């Protein structure tokens, strides 16, 4: 539908450049879909429902259903050809809406998997509804109800799974406790090679970690170019030391405007250093955070994966600092 309309519009421009009425007629359908999708998303983003599955499940599924219902197909078209054309149309509307809303590439990348799932379910719904069997058609009527009810997750606190999360990563080092504690007082630079998911997010370009005492505030500044070179988001994270001893360091986040804060709320962290009987040190790093987005089945494992690898990065670059050849991690 959308893709074919765009192709028809390009053809019109080549064959009849002055036929603006027909051109607008061909573009009107796609522009309507893009406009409606953008308005719905913008409304939800500005409302208390911005983190609910209503935005991340119901809207893309409903949009895909509309495209599936009105998209024309040639007679005897194979189902996989239908699906590829349908998926292309849905992607065009999604990417165009993202451009209108000035969304960044990170948001687009994180949303694509759930968009593919919603698109497949919408296509399945349309296929079941057109089936000859009455029983199969009933499934086609039940599937939208199931998906739309699941979209209510997060619209109220009673309709969301627990959003409070704790990640604990342990590692062993051949270095003694005194050496590792001294490493904690050194300047920090996290712009290193890292996990593929963390590589998508910008690391702090400036970290002020000079003072090292209870009550000290450490500051990290981040910069994220949503469109690679512009549409820039400047952020800052302020971390306060709340507990400090020879073997223990605990912090809490007192301010966070980084782009990462759109997805979760970092609450604090704790590092505990335990000397091992055979020499070396066991390092335990705990990070507490609150998930902001639903559905939990999608965002919870992604965020836990990202935080686990963040913890590993912090142990390697802040505690151990690459001064040993091998470290073992476990969660």
C-alpha atoms as a PDB file:
ATOM      1  CA  UNK A   1       0.000   0.000   0.000  1.00  0.00           C
ATOM      2  CA  UNK A   2       2.389   2.687   1.234  1.00  0.00           C
ATOM      3  CA  UNK A   3       5.311   1.429  -0.806  1.00  0.00           C
ATOM      4  CA  UNK A   4       3.183   0.992  -3.908  1.00  0.00           C
ATOM      5  CA  UNK A   5       1.698   4.469  -3.417  1.00  0.00           C
ATOM      6  CA  UNK A   6       5.166   5.988  -3.253  1.00  0.00           C
ATOM      7  CA  UNK A   7       6.179   4.139  -6.421  1.00  0.00           C
ATOM      8  CA  UNK A   8       3.028   5.334  -8.165  1.00  0.00           C
ATOM      9  CA  UNK A   9       3.774   8.883  -7.067  1.00  0.00           C
ATOM     10  CA  UNK A  10       7.323   8.708  -8.444  1.00  0.00           C
ATOM     11  CA  UNK A  11       5.928   7.324 -11.700  1.00  0.00           C
ATOM     12  CA  UNK A  12       3.470  10.208 -11.900  1.00  0.00           C
ATOM     13  CA  UNK A  13       6.243  12.738 -11.417  1.00  0.00           C
ATOM     14  CA  UNK A  14       8.239  11.160 -14.270  1.00  0.00           C
ATOM     15  CA  UNK A  15       5.290  10.809 -16.673  1.00  0.00           C
ATOM     16  CA  UNK A  16       3.060  13.744 -15.752  1.00  0.00           C
ATOM     17  CA  UNK A  17       5.021  16.311 -13.709  1.00  0.00           C
ATOM     18  CA  UNK A  18       2.155  18.790 -13.668  1.00  0.00           C
ATOM     19  CA  UNK A  19      -0.514  16.363 -12.463  1.00  0.00           C
ATOM     20  CA  UNK A  20      -0.296  17.578  -8.852  1.00  0.00           C
ATOM     21  CA  UNK A  21      -3.878  16.589  -8.008  1.00  0.00           C
ATOM     22  CA  UNK A  22      -3.248  12.935  -8.825  1.00  0.00           C
ATOM     23  CA  UNK A  23       0.111  13.080  -7.035  1.00  0.00           C
ATOM     24  CA  UNK A  24      -1.497  14.391  -3.843  1.00  0.00           C
ATOM     25  CA  UNK A  25      -4.218  11.770  -4.161  1.00  0.00           C
ATOM     26  CA  UNK A  26      -1.600   9.000  -4.211  1.00  0.00           C
ATOM     27  CA  UNK A  27       0.312  10.463  -1.275  1.00  0.00           C
ATOM     28  CA  UNK A  28      -2.751  11.246   0.830  1.00  0.00           C
ATOM     29  CA  UNK A  29      -3.156   7.729   2.258  1.00  0.00           C
ATOM     30  CA  UNK A  30       0.451   7.287   3.442  1.00  0.00           C
ATOM     31  CA  UNK A  31       0.557  10.834   4.816  1.00  0.00           C
ATOM     32  CA  UNK A  32      -2.626  10.192   6.785  1.00  0.00           C
ATOM     33  CA  UNK A  33      -1.154   7.064   8.363  1.00  0.00           C
ATOM     34  CA  UNK A  34       2.122   8.828   9.180  1.00  0.00           C
ATOM     35  CA  UNK A  35       0.262  11.798  10.645  1.00  0.00           C
ATOM     36  CA  UNK A  36      -2.090   9.701  12.776  1.00  0.00           C
ATOM     37  CA  UNK A  37       0.765   7.510  14.031  1.00  0.00           C
ATOM     38  CA  UNK A  38       2.865  10.575  14.917  1.00  0.00           C
ATOM     39  CA  UNK A  39       0.012  12.288  16.758  1.00  0.00           C
ATOM     40  CA  UNK A  40      -0.864   9.167  18.759  1.00  0.00           C
ATOM     41  CA  UNK A  41       2.753   8.558  19.763  1.00  0.00           C
ATOM     42  CA  UNK A  42       3.322  12.227  20.632  1.00  0.00           C
ATOM     43  CA  UNK A  43       0.202  12.255  22.809  1.00  0.00           C
ATOM     44  CA  UNK A  44       1.242   9.138  24.708  1.00  0.00           C
ATOM     45  CA  UNK A  45       4.833  10.363  25.132  1.00  0.00           C
ATOM     46  CA  UNK A  46       3.539  13.547  26.773  1.00  0.00           C
ATOM     47  CA  UNK A  47       1.173  11.623  29.074  1.00  0.00           C
ATOM     48  CA  UNK A  48       1.640   9.425  32.167  1.00  0.00           C
ATOM     49  CA  UNK A  49       1.200   6.441  29.814  1.00  0.00           C
ATOM     50  CA  UNK A  50       4.535   7.101  28.071  1.00  0.00           C
ATOM     51  CA  UNK A  51       6.148   3.987  29.575  1.00  0.00           C
ATOM     52  CA  UNK A  52       3.199   1.646  29.118  1.00  0.00           C
ATOM     53  CA  UNK A  53       2.697  -1.188  26.648  1.00  0.00           C
ATOM     54  CA  UNK A  54      -0.079   0.929  25.145  1.00  0.00           C
ATOM     55  CA  UNK A  55       2.652   2.841  23.316  1.00  0.00           C
ATOM     56  CA  UNK A  56       4.934  -0.083  22.516  1.00  0.00           C
ATOM     57  CA  UNK A  57       2.357  -2.821  21.769  1.00  0.00           C
ATOM     58  CA  UNK A  58      -1.118  -1.443  21.026  1.00  0.00           C
ATOM     59  CA  UNK A  59      -0.145   1.455  18.739  1.00  0.00           C
ATOM     60  CA  UNK A  60       2.173  -0.501  16.371  1.00  0.00           C
ATOM     61  CA  UNK A  61      -0.190  -3.487  16.284  1.00  0.00           C
ATOM     62  CA  UNK A  62      -3.231  -1.316  15.496  1.00  0.00           C
ATOM     63  CA  UNK A  63      -1.321   0.596  12.827  1.00  0.00           C
ATOM     64  CA  UNK A  64      -0.171  -2.662  11.256  1.00  0.00           C
ATOM     65  CA  UNK A  65      -3.741  -3.995  11.344  1.00  0.00           C
ATOM     66  CA  UNK A  66      -4.968  -0.963   9.407  1.00  0.00           C
ATOM     67  CA  UNK A  67      -2.263  -1.426   6.773  1.00  0.00           C
ATOM     68  CA  UNK A  68      -3.031  -5.157   6.529  1.00  0.00           C
ATOM     69  CA  UNK A  69      -6.744  -4.486   6.099  1.00  0.00           C
ATOM     70  CA  UNK A  70      -6.487  -1.932   3.273  1.00  0.00           C
ATOM     71  CA  UNK A  71      -3.372  -3.071   1.417  1.00  0.00           C
ATOM     72  CA  UNK A  72      -4.278  -4.348  -2.092  1.00  0.00           C
ATOM     73  CA  UNK A  73      -2.854  -7.657  -3.314  1.00  0.00           C
ATOM     74  CA  UNK A  74      -2.672  -9.089  -6.794  1.00  0.00           C
ATOM     75  CA  UNK A  75      -4.623 -12.350  -7.299  1.00  0.00           C
ATOM     76  CA  UNK A  76      -2.775 -15.558  -6.329  1.00  0.00           C
ATOM     77  CA  UNK A  77       0.005 -13.668  -4.536  1.00  0.00           C
ATOM     78  CA  UNK A  78       2.091 -15.966  -2.332  1.00  0.00           C
ATOM     79  CA  UNK A  79       1.713 -15.354   1.386  1.00  0.00           C
ATOM     80  CA  UNK A  80       5.394 -14.546   1.885  1.00  0.00           C
ATOM     81  CA  UNK A  81       5.271 -11.965  -0.907  1.00  0.00           C
ATOM     82  CA  UNK A  82       2.242 -10.442   0.786  1.00  0.00           C
ATOM     83  CA  UNK A  83       4.071 -10.371   4.112  1.00  0.00           C
ATOM     84  CA  UNK A  84       7.227  -8.761   2.696  1.00  0.00           C
ATOM     85  CA  UNK A  85       5.186  -6.025   1.018  1.00  0.00           C
ATOM     86  CA  UNK A  86       3.162  -5.521   4.187  1.00  0.00           C
ATOM     87  CA  UNK A  87       6.319  -5.372   6.316  1.00  0.00           C
ATOM     88  CA  UNK A  88       7.861  -2.829   3.944  1.00  0.00           C
ATOM     89  CA  UNK A  89       4.800  -0.585   4.188  1.00  0.00           C
ATOM     90  CA  UNK A  90       4.788  -0.781   7.986  1.00  0.00           C
ATOM     91  CA  UNK A  91       8.496   0.050   8.183  1.00  0.00           C
ATOM     92  CA  UNK A  92       8.065   3.087   5.929  1.00  0.00           C
ATOM     93  CA  UNK A  93       5.284   4.473   8.114  1.00  0.00           C
ATOM     94  CA  UNK A  94       7.306   3.751  11.272  1.00  0.00           C
ATOM     95  CA  UNK A  95      10.521   5.369  10.004  1.00  0.00           C
ATOM     96  CA  UNK A  96       8.675   8.382   8.608  1.00  0.00           C
ATOM     97  CA  UNK A  97       6.846   8.850  11.922  1.00  0.00           C
ATOM     98  CA  UNK A  98      10.155   8.587  13.799  1.00  0.00           C
ATOM     99  CA  UNK A  99      11.550  11.325  11.582  1.00  0.00           C
ATOM    100  CA  UNK A 100       8.538  13.564  12.260  1.00  0.00           C
ATOM    101  CA  UNK A 101       8.911  12.973  16.022  1.00  0.00           C
ATOM    102  CA  UNK A 102      12.690  13.612  15.837  1.00  0.00           C
ATOM    103  CA  UNK A 103      13.426  10.247  17.445  1.00  0.00           C
ATOM    104  CA  UNK A 104      17.042   9.092  17.497  1.00  0.00           C
ATOM    105  CA  UNK A 105      18.625   6.011  16.009  1.00  0.00           C
ATOM    106  CA  UNK A 106      18.840   4.312  19.433  1.00  0.00           C
ATOM    107  CA  UNK A 107      15.079   4.499  19.905  1.00  0.00           C
ATOM    108  CA  UNK A 108      14.528   3.166  16.386  1.00  0.00           C
ATOM    109  CA  UNK A 109      16.937   0.252  16.861  1.00  0.00           C
ATOM    110  CA  UNK A 110      15.461  -0.770  20.224  1.00  0.00           C
ATOM    111  CA  UNK A 111      11.918  -0.571  18.886  1.00  0.00           C
ATOM    112  CA  UNK A 112      12.466  -2.550  15.668  1.00  0.00           C
ATOM    113  CA  UNK A 113      12.266  -6.071  17.219  1.00  0.00           C
ATOM    114  CA  UNK A 114       8.944  -5.368  18.931  1.00  0.00           C
ATOM    115  CA  UNK A 115       7.680  -3.724  15.720  1.00  0.00           C
ATOM    116  CA  UNK A 116       8.507  -6.904  13.783  1.00  0.00           C
ATOM    117  CA  UNK A 117       6.587  -8.968  16.353  1.00  0.00           C
ATOM    118  CA  UNK A 118       3.566  -6.659  16.176  1.00  0.00           C
ATOM    119  CA  UNK A 119       3.662  -6.668  12.387  1.00  0.00           C
ATOM    120  CA  UNK A 120       3.760 -10.483  12.259  1.00  0.00           C
ATOM    121  CA  UNK A 121       0.806 -10.706  14.659  1.00  0.00           C
ATOM    122  CA  UNK A 122      -1.192  -8.194  12.603  1.00  0.00           C
ATOM    123  CA  UNK A 123      -0.486 -10.135   9.413  1.00  0.00           C
ATOM    124  CA  UNK A 124      -1.502 -13.367  11.159  1.00  0.00           C
ATOM    125  CA  UNK A 125      -4.707 -11.716  12.370  1.00  0.00           C
ATOM    126  CA  UNK A 126      -5.625 -10.665   8.839  1.00  0.00           C
ATOM    127  CA  UNK A 127      -4.819 -14.123   7.454  1.00  0.00           C
ATOM    128  CA  UNK A 128      -6.927 -15.874  10.112  1.00  0.00           C
ATOM    129  CA  UNK A 129      -9.845 -13.495   9.498  1.00  0.00           C
ATOM    130  CA  UNK A 130      -9.869 -14.340   5.783  1.00  0.00           C
ATOM    131  CA  UNK A 131      -9.733 -18.099   6.334  1.00  0.00           C
ATOM    132  CA  UNK A 132     -12.624 -20.265   5.122  1.00  0.00           C
ATOM    133  CA  UNK A 133     -12.938 -22.187   8.382  1.00  0.00           C
ATOM    134  CA  UNK A 134     -15.232 -20.602  10.959  1.00  0.00           C
ATOM    135  CA  UNK A 135     -13.092 -21.883  13.828  1.00  0.00           C
ATOM    136  CA  UNK A 136      -9.983 -20.291  12.332  1.00  0.00           C
ATOM    137  CA  UNK A 137     -11.881 -17.035  11.821  1.00  0.00           C
ATOM    138  CA  UNK A 138     -12.772 -17.032  15.506  1.00  0.00           C
ATOM    139  CA  UNK A 139      -9.052 -17.167  16.280  1.00  0.00           C
ATOM    140  CA  UNK A 140      -8.632 -14.131  14.051  1.00  0.00           C
ATOM    141  CA  UNK A 141     -11.177 -12.306  16.211  1.00  0.00           C
ATOM    142  CA  UNK A 142      -9.607 -13.423  19.491  1.00  0.00           C
ATOM    143  CA  UNK A 143      -6.009 -12.486  18.635  1.00  0.00           C
ATOM    144  CA  UNK A 144      -6.599  -8.692  18.498  1.00  0.00           C
ATOM    145  CA  UNK A 145      -8.361  -8.864  21.855  1.00  0.00           C
ATOM    146  CA  UNK A 146      -5.422 -10.722  23.423  1.00  0.00           C
ATOM    147  CA  UNK A 147      -2.848  -8.302  21.998  1.00  0.00           C
ATOM    148  CA  UNK A 148      -4.794  -5.164  22.920  1.00  0.00           C
ATOM    149  CA  UNK A 149      -5.409  -6.405  26.487  1.00  0.00           C
ATOM    150  CA  UNK A 150      -1.675  -7.056  26.825  1.00  0.00           C
ATOM    151  CA  UNK A 151      -1.208  -3.448  25.763  1.00  0.00           C
ATOM    152  CA  UNK A 152      -2.767  -2.345  29.052  1.00  0.00           C
ATOM    153  CA  UNK A 153       0.381  -3.380  30.924  1.00  0.00           C
ATOM    154  CA  UNK A 154       1.836  -0.364  32.670  1.00  0.00           C
ATOM    155  CA  UNK A 155      -1.226   1.877  32.263  1.00  0.00           C
ATOM    156  CA  UNK A 156      -1.706   1.533  36.031  1.00  0.00           C
ATOM    157  CA  UNK A 157       0.685   0.388  38.741  1.00  0.00           C
ATOM    158  CA  UNK A 158      -1.512  -2.639  39.436  1.00  0.00           C
ATOM    159  CA  UNK A 159      -1.211  -3.670  35.781  1.00  0.00           C
ATOM    160  CA  UNK A 160       2.590  -3.791  35.712  1.00  0.00           C
ATOM    161  CA  UNK A 161       5.112  -6.344  36.847  1.00  0.00           C
ATOM    162  CA  UNK A 162       7.638  -5.295  39.474  1.00  0.00           C
ATOM    163  CA  UNK A 163       9.842  -2.591  37.980  1.00  0.00           C
ATOM    164  CA  UNK A 164      12.437  -2.544  40.765  1.00  0.00           C
ATOM    165  CA  UNK A 165      15.545  -4.403  39.632  1.00  0.00           C
ATOM    166  CA  UNK A 166      18.890  -5.364  41.185  1.00  0.00           C
ATOM    167  CA  UNK A 167      21.892  -6.712  39.297  1.00  0.00           C
ATOM    168  CA  UNK A 168      24.880  -8.206  41.091  1.00  0.00           C
ATOM    169  CA  UNK A 169      28.092  -9.114  39.280  1.00  0.00           C
ATOM    170  CA  UNK A 170      31.036 -10.816  40.953  1.00  0.00           C
ATOM    171  CA  UNK A 171      34.602 -11.054  39.696  1.00  0.00           C
ATOM    172  CA  UNK A 172      37.956 -12.234  40.974  1.00  0.00           C
ATOM    173  CA  UNK A 173      41.262 -10.444  40.590  1.00  0.00           C
ATOM    174  CA  UNK A 174      44.841 -11.367  41.428  1.00  0.00           C
ATOM    175  CA  UNK A 175      45.363  -7.851  42.813  1.00  0.00           C
ATOM    176  CA  UNK A 176      45.113  -7.208  46.581  1.00  0.00           C
ATOM    177  CA  UNK A 177      42.308  -5.151  48.152  1.00  0.00           C
ATOM    178  CA  UNK A 178      44.605  -2.173  48.805  1.00  0.00           C
ATOM    179  CA  UNK A 179      45.565  -1.965  45.142  1.00  0.00           C
ATOM    180  CA  UNK A 180      41.947  -2.122  43.940  1.00  0.00           C
ATOM    181  CA  UNK A 181      40.813   0.477  46.465  1.00  0.00           C
ATOM    182  CA  UNK A 182      43.529   2.813  45.215  1.00  0.00           C
ATOM    183  CA  UNK A 183      42.287   2.253  41.662  1.00  0.00           C
ATOM    184  CA  UNK A 184      38.878   3.623  42.714  1.00  0.00           C
ATOM    185  CA  UNK A 185      40.439   7.034  43.406  1.00  0.00           C
ATOM    186  CA  UNK A 186      42.038   7.396  39.957  1.00  0.00           C
ATOM    187  CA  UNK A 187      40.547   9.355  37.017  1.00  0.00           C
ATOM    188  CA  UNK A 188      37.920   7.446  35.023  1.00  0.00           C
ATOM    189  CA  UNK A 189      37.492   7.065  31.253  1.00  0.00           C
ATOM    190  CA  UNK A 190      34.797   4.654  30.038  1.00  0.00           C
ATOM    191  CA  UNK A 191      35.246   5.287  26.315  1.00  0.00           C
ATOM    192  CA  UNK A 192      36.626   1.838  25.715  1.00  0.00           C
ATOM    193  CA  UNK A 193      35.718  -1.142  23.562  1.00  0.00           C
ATOM    194  CA  UNK A 194      32.565  -2.600  25.057  1.00  0.00           C
ATOM    195  CA  UNK A 195      29.590  -4.911  24.583  1.00  0.00           C
ATOM    196  CA  UNK A 196      27.626  -4.451  21.317  1.00  0.00           C
ATOM    197  CA  UNK A 197      24.522  -3.124  23.099  1.00  0.00           C
ATOM    198  CA  UNK A 198      26.482  -0.678  25.256  1.00  0.00           C
ATOM    199  CA  UNK A 199      28.326   0.478  22.140  1.00  0.00           C
ATOM    200  CA  UNK A 200      25.031   1.892  20.848  1.00  0.00           C
ATOM    201  CA  UNK A 201      24.750   4.239  23.837  1.00  0.00           C
ATOM    202  CA  UNK A 202      27.133   7.176  24.293  1.00  0.00           C
ATOM    203  CA  UNK A 203      29.656   6.867  27.109  1.00  0.00           C
ATOM    204  CA  UNK A 204      30.476   9.914  29.278  1.00  0.00           C
ATOM    205  CA  UNK A 205      32.934  12.215  27.530  1.00  0.00           C
ATOM    206  CA  UNK A 206      33.894  13.944  30.780  1.00  0.00           C
ATOM    207  CA  UNK A 207      33.976  12.465  34.301  1.00  0.00           C
ATOM    208  CA  UNK A 208      34.806  14.501  37.403  1.00  0.00           C
ATOM    209  CA  UNK A 209      35.724  11.972  40.100  1.00  0.00           C
ATOM    210  CA  UNK A 210      38.329  13.919  42.045  1.00  0.00           C
ATOM    211  CA  UNK A 211      37.014  13.892  45.616  1.00  0.00           C
ATOM    212  CA  UNK A 212      36.831  10.539  47.393  1.00  0.00           C
ATOM    213  CA  UNK A 213      35.022  10.858  50.717  1.00  0.00           C
ATOM    214  CA  UNK A 214      31.509  10.423  52.103  1.00  0.00           C
ATOM    215  CA  UNK A 215      29.230  13.078  50.620  1.00  0.00           C
ATOM    216  CA  UNK A 216      31.460  13.740  47.593  1.00  0.00           C
ATOM    217  CA  UNK A 217      29.646  14.251  44.280  1.00  0.00           C
ATOM    218  CA  UNK A 218      31.062  12.739  41.095  1.00  0.00           C
ATOM    219  CA  UNK A 219      29.763  14.074  37.777  1.00  0.00           C
ATOM    220  CA  UNK A 220      29.622  12.442  34.339  1.00  0.00           C
ATOM    221  CA  UNK A 221      28.606  14.384  31.219  1.00  0.00           C
ATOM    222  CA  UNK A 222      27.140  12.667  28.170  1.00  0.00           C
ATOM    223  CA  UNK A 223      26.366  13.786  24.638  1.00  0.00           C
ATOM    224  CA  UNK A 224      24.115  11.872  22.257  1.00  0.00           C
ATOM    225  CA  UNK A 225      23.609  12.870  18.614  1.00  0.00           C
ATOM    226  CA  UNK A 226      20.193  11.412  17.799  1.00  0.00           C
ATOM    227  CA  UNK A 227      20.844  11.753  14.060  1.00  0.00           C
ATOM    228  CA  UNK A 228      24.558  10.888  14.283  1.00  0.00           C
ATOM    229  CA  UNK A 229      25.754  14.497  13.822  1.00  0.00           C
ATOM    230  CA  UNK A 230      22.914  16.711  15.078  1.00  0.00           C
ATOM    231  CA  UNK A 231      19.634  16.677  17.061  1.00  0.00           C
ATOM    232  CA  UNK A 232      21.855  16.495  20.140  1.00  0.00           C
ATOM    233  CA  UNK A 233      20.890  15.551  23.691  1.00  0.00           C
ATOM    234  CA  UNK A 234      23.220  16.805  26.441  1.00  0.00           C
ATOM    235  CA  UNK A 235      22.990  14.965  29.751  1.00  0.00           C
ATOM    236  CA  UNK A 236      24.603  14.795  33.162  1.00  0.00           C
ATOM    237  CA  UNK A 237      24.733  12.156  35.890  1.00  0.00           C
ATOM    238  CA  UNK A 238      25.633  13.092  39.476  1.00  0.00           C
ATOM    239  CA  UNK A 239      26.658  10.342  41.847  1.00  0.00           C
ATOM    240  CA  UNK A 240      27.111  10.809  45.594  1.00  0.00           C
ATOM    241  CA  UNK A 241      29.273   8.628  47.865  1.00  0.00           C
ATOM    242  CA  UNK A 242      27.093   7.561  50.815  1.00  0.00           C
ATOM    243  CA  UNK A 243      29.257   4.886  52.474  1.00  0.00           C
ATOM    244  CA  UNK A 244      33.017   4.403  52.358  1.00  0.00           C
ATOM    245  CA  UNK A 245      35.422   2.012  54.108  1.00  0.00           C
ATOM    246  CA  UNK A 246      38.540   0.006  53.253  1.00  0.00           C
ATOM    247  CA  UNK A 247      36.430  -2.779  51.741  1.00  0.00           C
ATOM    248  CA  UNK A 248      33.174  -1.092  50.797  1.00  0.00           C
ATOM    249  CA  UNK A 249      31.922   1.780  48.623  1.00  0.00           C
ATOM    250  CA  UNK A 250      28.268   2.715  48.213  1.00  0.00           C
ATOM    251  CA  UNK A 251      26.798   5.443  46.043  1.00  0.00           C
ATOM    252  CA  UNK A 252      23.425   6.848  45.043  1.00  0.00           C
ATOM    253  CA  UNK A 253      22.335   8.753  41.954  1.00  0.00           C
ATOM    254  CA  UNK A 254      21.150  12.257  42.880  1.00  0.00           C
ATOM    255  CA  UNK A 255      20.693  13.618  39.343  1.00  0.00           C
ATOM    256  CA  UNK A 256      20.356  11.987  35.925  1.00  0.00           C
ATOM    257  CA  UNK A 257      19.462  13.705  32.647  1.00  0.00           C
ATOM    258  CA  UNK A 258      21.396  11.313  30.384  1.00  0.00           C
ATOM    259  CA  UNK A 259      19.620   9.732  27.422  1.00  0.00           C
ATOM    260  CA  UNK A 260      19.812   6.422  29.275  1.00  0.00           C
ATOM    261  CA  UNK A 261      17.409   7.856  31.880  1.00  0.00           C
ATOM    262  CA  UNK A 262      14.591   7.690  29.304  1.00  0.00           C
ATOM    263  CA  UNK A 263      14.650   3.907  29.669  1.00  0.00           C
ATOM    264  CA  UNK A 264      15.398   3.340  33.352  1.00  0.00           C
ATOM    265  CA  UNK A 265      16.106   5.143  36.620  1.00  0.00           C
ATOM    266  CA  UNK A 266      19.502   4.361  38.099  1.00  0.00           C
ATOM    267  CA  UNK A 267      19.248   4.397  41.896  1.00  0.00           C
ATOM    268  CA  UNK A 268      22.740   3.559  43.118  1.00  0.00           C
ATOM    269  CA  UNK A 269      25.525   1.025  43.337  1.00  0.00           C
ATOM    270  CA  UNK A 270      27.748  -0.733  45.844  1.00  0.00           C
ATOM    271  CA  UNK A 271      31.237  -2.224  45.508  1.00  0.00           C
ATOM    272  CA  UNK A 272      32.528  -4.714  48.074  1.00  0.00           C
ATOM    273  CA  UNK A 273      36.119  -5.993  48.071  1.00  0.00           C
ATOM    274  CA  UNK A 274      36.811  -9.286  49.879  1.00  0.00           C
ATOM    275  CA  UNK A 275      40.335 -10.709  50.240  1.00  0.00           C
ATOM    276  CA  UNK A 276      40.654 -14.337  49.125  1.00  0.00           C
ATOM    277  CA  UNK A 277      42.506 -16.930  51.278  1.00  0.00           C
ATOM    278  CA  UNK A 278      44.781 -17.931  48.391  1.00  0.00           C
ATOM    279  CA  UNK A 279      45.525 -14.328  47.481  1.00  0.00           C
ATOM    280  CA  UNK A 280      43.749 -11.841  45.288  1.00  0.00           C
ATOM    281  CA  UNK A 281      40.341 -10.248  45.764  1.00  0.00           C
ATOM    282  CA  UNK A 282      36.707 -11.041  45.151  1.00  0.00           C
ATOM    283  CA  UNK A 283      34.825  -8.039  43.742  1.00  0.00           C
ATOM    284  CA  UNK A 284      31.065  -7.743  44.186  1.00  0.00           C
ATOM    285  CA  UNK A 285      29.324  -4.934  42.315  1.00  0.00           C
ATOM    286  CA  UNK A 286      25.595  -4.347  42.852  1.00  0.00           C
ATOM    287  CA  UNK A 287      23.544  -1.908  40.772  1.00  0.00           C
ATOM    288  CA  UNK A 288      19.947  -0.973  41.625  1.00  0.00           C
ATOM    289  CA  UNK A 289      17.627   0.566  39.069  1.00  0.00           C
ATOM    290  CA  UNK A 290      13.970   0.935  38.168  1.00  0.00           C
ATOM    291  CA  UNK A 291      12.610  -0.098  34.791  1.00  0.00           C
ATOM    292  CA  UNK A 292      10.513   2.646  33.175  1.00  0.00           C
ATOM    293  CA  UNK A 293       9.112   0.810  30.169  1.00  0.00           C
ATOM    294  CA  UNK A 294       6.585  -1.959  29.556  1.00  0.00           C
ATOM    295  CA  UNK A 295       6.004  -4.636  28.361  1.00  0.00           C
ATOM    296  CA  UNK A 296       8.241  -6.370  30.892  1.00  0.00           C
ATOM    297  CA  UNK A 297       8.719  -9.452  28.694  1.00  0.00           C
ATOM    298  CA  UNK A 298      10.624  -7.281  26.205  1.00  0.00           C
ATOM    299  CA  UNK A 299      12.306  -4.456  28.127  1.00  0.00           C
ATOM    300  CA  UNK A 300      13.202  -6.262  31.376  1.00  0.00           C
ATOM    301  CA  UNK A 301      15.662  -8.778  29.826  1.00  0.00           C
ATOM    302  CA  UNK A 302      17.187  -6.147  27.519  1.00  0.00           C
ATOM    303  CA  UNK A 303      17.809  -3.757  30.402  1.00  0.00           C
ATOM    304  CA  UNK A 304      19.148  -6.485  32.679  1.00  0.00           C
ATOM    305  CA  UNK A 305      21.534  -7.571  29.924  1.00  0.00           C
ATOM    306  CA  UNK A 306      22.726  -3.966  29.466  1.00  0.00           C
ATOM    307  CA  UNK A 307      23.193  -3.371  33.199  1.00  0.00           C
ATOM    308  CA  UNK A 308      25.086  -6.655  33.668  1.00  0.00           C
ATOM    309  CA  UNK A 309      27.545  -5.672  30.955  1.00  0.00           C
ATOM    310  CA  UNK A 310      27.750  -2.138  32.368  1.00  0.00           C
ATOM    311  CA  UNK A 311      28.749  -3.672  35.705  1.00  0.00           C
ATOM    312  CA  UNK A 312      31.428  -5.764  33.978  1.00  0.00           C
ATOM    313  CA  UNK A 313      32.727  -2.647  32.212  1.00  0.00           C
ATOM    314  CA  UNK A 314      32.892  -0.745  35.525  1.00  0.00           C
ATOM    315  CA  UNK A 315      34.788  -3.564  37.225  1.00  0.00           C
ATOM    316  CA  UNK A 316      37.261  -3.784  34.370  1.00  0.00           C
ATOM    317  CA  UNK A 317      37.805  -0.054  33.805  1.00  0.00           C
ATOM    318  CA  UNK A 318      37.275   1.410  37.309  1.00  0.00           C
ATOM    319  CA  UNK A 319      38.248  -1.330  39.773  1.00  0.00           C
ATOM    320  CA  UNK A 320      40.708  -3.656  37.997  1.00  0.00           C
ATOM    321  CA  UNK A 321      41.759  -1.195  35.258  1.00  0.00           C
ATOM    322  CA  UNK A 322      43.144  -3.892  32.990  1.00  0.00           C
ATOM    323  CA  UNK A 323      46.062  -4.594  35.314  1.00  0.00           C
ATOM    324  CA  UNK A 324      45.486  -8.358  35.289  1.00  0.00           C
ATOM    325  CA  UNK A 325      45.335 -10.622  32.293  1.00  0.00           C
ATOM    326  CA  UNK A 326      42.207 -12.492  33.265  1.00  0.00           C
ATOM    327  CA  UNK A 327      39.062 -11.899  35.331  1.00  0.00           C
ATOM    328  CA  UNK A 328      36.060 -14.140  35.820  1.00  0.00           C
ATOM    329  CA  UNK A 329      32.554 -12.683  35.980  1.00  0.00           C
ATOM    330  CA  UNK A 330      29.324 -14.202  37.227  1.00  0.00           C
ATOM    331  CA  UNK A 331      25.906 -12.789  38.014  1.00  0.00           C
END
